[in-house]
């Protein structure tokens, strides 16, 4: 699961429309995991050509909150180590 992609989506105004194949793949994975909501569009050949991300599920919001807390804990640890070596 790509938490970094969740973070990028969180920085965008919703709905977020993308035609980037890599972002579509991340969206489909995270949607199937129950973390994002939205739809995809396919062309005549059945190939997914775009994704419209409409929001986060409650589970997606919880995961984002956990990620933010982990980043803060990591930063605090780094700051502590820096202050011990100074």
C-alpha atoms as a PDB file:
ATOM      1  CA  UNK A   1       0.000   0.000   0.000  1.00  0.00           C
ATOM      2  CA  UNK A   2       1.322   3.401  -0.870  1.00  0.00           C
ATOM      3  CA  UNK A   3       0.798   5.789   2.034  1.00  0.00           C
ATOM      4  CA  UNK A   4       2.833   8.420   0.181  1.00  0.00           C
ATOM      5  CA  UNK A   5       0.165   8.474  -2.541  1.00  0.00           C
ATOM      6  CA  UNK A   6      -2.517   8.977   0.128  1.00  0.00           C
ATOM      7  CA  UNK A   7      -0.526  11.979   1.309  1.00  0.00           C
ATOM      8  CA  UNK A   8      -0.327  13.395  -2.216  1.00  0.00           C
ATOM      9  CA  UNK A   9      -4.084  12.993  -2.633  1.00  0.00           C
ATOM     10  CA  UNK A  10      -4.656  14.716   0.706  1.00  0.00           C
ATOM     11  CA  UNK A  11      -2.808  17.760  -0.635  1.00  0.00           C
ATOM     12  CA  UNK A  12      -5.097  18.032  -3.692  1.00  0.00           C
ATOM     13  CA  UNK A  13      -8.541  19.597  -3.894  1.00  0.00           C
ATOM     14  CA  UNK A  14     -11.162  16.873  -4.262  1.00  0.00           C
ATOM     15  CA  UNK A  15     -12.401  15.491  -6.499  1.00  0.00           C
ATOM     16  CA  UNK A  16      -8.937  14.817  -7.902  1.00  0.00           C
ATOM     17  CA  UNK A  17      -8.801  13.677 -11.537  1.00  0.00           C
ATOM     18  CA  UNK A  18      -5.721  11.920 -12.894  1.00  0.00           C
ATOM     19  CA  UNK A  19      -4.780  10.204 -16.131  1.00  0.00           C
ATOM     20  CA  UNK A  20      -1.304   9.191 -14.936  1.00  0.00           C
ATOM     21  CA  UNK A  21      -1.081   5.358 -15.215  1.00  0.00           C
ATOM     22  CA  UNK A  22       0.962   5.037 -12.015  1.00  0.00           C
ATOM     23  CA  UNK A  23      -1.494   7.162 -10.022  1.00  0.00           C
ATOM     24  CA  UNK A  24      -4.423   5.190 -11.449  1.00  0.00           C
ATOM     25  CA  UNK A  25      -2.748   1.981 -10.300  1.00  0.00           C
ATOM     26  CA  UNK A  26      -2.194   3.404  -6.788  1.00  0.00           C
ATOM     27  CA  UNK A  27      -5.807   4.597  -6.666  1.00  0.00           C
ATOM     28  CA  UNK A  28      -7.198   1.214  -7.735  1.00  0.00           C
ATOM     29  CA  UNK A  29      -5.103  -0.562  -5.115  1.00  0.00           C
ATOM     30  CA  UNK A  30      -6.068   1.847  -2.332  1.00  0.00           C
ATOM     31  CA  UNK A  31      -9.724   1.835  -3.364  1.00  0.00           C
ATOM     32  CA  UNK A  32      -9.782  -1.965  -3.301  1.00  0.00           C
ATOM     33  CA  UNK A  33      -8.210  -1.807   0.175  1.00  0.00           C
ATOM     34  CA  UNK A  34     -11.089   0.417   1.283  1.00  0.00           C
ATOM     35  CA  UNK A  35      -9.011   3.567   1.830  1.00  0.00           C
ATOM     36  CA  UNK A  36     -10.134   5.834  -1.048  1.00  0.00           C
ATOM     37  CA  UNK A  37     -13.399   6.443  -2.877  1.00  0.00           C
ATOM     38  CA  UNK A  38     -13.867   7.314  -6.518  1.00  0.00           C
ATOM     39  CA  UNK A  39     -14.329   5.971 -10.004  1.00  0.00           C
ATOM     40  CA  UNK A  40     -12.299   5.035 -13.060  1.00  0.00           C
ATOM     41  CA  UNK A  41     -13.013   5.506 -16.764  1.00  0.00           C
ATOM     42  CA  UNK A  42     -12.068   3.067 -19.493  1.00  0.00           C
ATOM     43  CA  UNK A  43     -11.630   3.519 -23.232  1.00  0.00           C
ATOM     44  CA  UNK A  44     -13.158   1.363 -25.996  1.00  0.00           C
ATOM     45  CA  UNK A  45     -10.451  -1.270 -25.520  1.00  0.00           C
ATOM     46  CA  UNK A  46     -11.272  -1.592 -21.823  1.00  0.00           C
ATOM     47  CA  UNK A  47      -8.065   0.120 -20.685  1.00  0.00           C
ATOM     48  CA  UNK A  48      -8.407   2.375 -17.649  1.00  0.00           C
ATOM     49  CA  UNK A  49      -7.557   5.899 -18.797  1.00  0.00           C
ATOM     50  CA  UNK A  50      -8.467   8.073 -15.809  1.00  0.00           C
ATOM     51  CA  UNK A  51      -9.431   8.032 -12.163  1.00  0.00           C
ATOM     52  CA  UNK A  52     -11.533  10.506 -10.252  1.00  0.00           C
ATOM     53  CA  UNK A  53     -10.720  10.347  -6.561  1.00  0.00           C
ATOM     54  CA  UNK A  54     -13.599  11.717  -4.527  1.00  0.00           C
ATOM     55  CA  UNK A  55     -12.449  11.181  -0.960  1.00  0.00           C
ATOM     56  CA  UNK A  56     -11.067   9.114   1.870  1.00  0.00           C
ATOM     57  CA  UNK A  57     -12.934   6.399   3.689  1.00  0.00           C
ATOM     58  CA  UNK A  58     -12.866   6.462   7.506  1.00  0.00           C
ATOM     59  CA  UNK A  59     -10.129   3.804   7.325  1.00  0.00           C
ATOM     60  CA  UNK A  60      -8.143   5.963   4.898  1.00  0.00           C
ATOM     61  CA  UNK A  61      -8.384   8.954   7.222  1.00  0.00           C
ATOM     62  CA  UNK A  62      -7.266   6.802  10.159  1.00  0.00           C
ATOM     63  CA  UNK A  63      -4.250   5.537   8.229  1.00  0.00           C
ATOM     64  CA  UNK A  64      -3.299   9.107   7.293  1.00  0.00           C
ATOM     65  CA  UNK A  65      -3.556  10.167  10.948  1.00  0.00           C
ATOM     66  CA  UNK A  66      -1.340   7.247  12.008  1.00  0.00           C
ATOM     67  CA  UNK A  67       1.218   8.135   9.349  1.00  0.00           C
ATOM     68  CA  UNK A  68       1.346  11.746  10.564  1.00  0.00           C
ATOM     69  CA  UNK A  69       1.854  10.566  14.149  1.00  0.00           C
ATOM     70  CA  UNK A  70       4.652   8.202  13.098  1.00  0.00           C
ATOM     71  CA  UNK A  71       6.377  11.017  11.209  1.00  0.00           C
ATOM     72  CA  UNK A  72       6.144  13.246  14.290  1.00  0.00           C
ATOM     73  CA  UNK A  73       7.578  10.505  16.501  1.00  0.00           C
ATOM     74  CA  UNK A  74      10.438   9.985  14.049  1.00  0.00           C
ATOM     75  CA  UNK A  75      11.137  13.722  13.959  1.00  0.00           C
ATOM     76  CA  UNK A  76      11.128  13.927  17.771  1.00  0.00           C
ATOM     77  CA  UNK A  77      13.605  11.048  17.909  1.00  0.00           C
ATOM     78  CA  UNK A  78      15.884  12.766  15.402  1.00  0.00           C
ATOM     79  CA  UNK A  79      15.721  16.031  17.344  1.00  0.00           C
ATOM     80  CA  UNK A  80      16.532  14.213  20.590  1.00  0.00           C
ATOM     81  CA  UNK A  81      19.538  12.530  18.997  1.00  0.00           C
ATOM     82  CA  UNK A  82      20.744  15.842  17.624  1.00  0.00           C
ATOM     83  CA  UNK A  83      20.439  17.526  21.002  1.00  0.00           C
ATOM     84  CA  UNK A  84      22.368  14.677  22.681  1.00  0.00           C
ATOM     85  CA  UNK A  85      25.257  15.004  20.229  1.00  0.00           C
ATOM     86  CA  UNK A  86      25.451  18.795  20.475  1.00  0.00           C
END
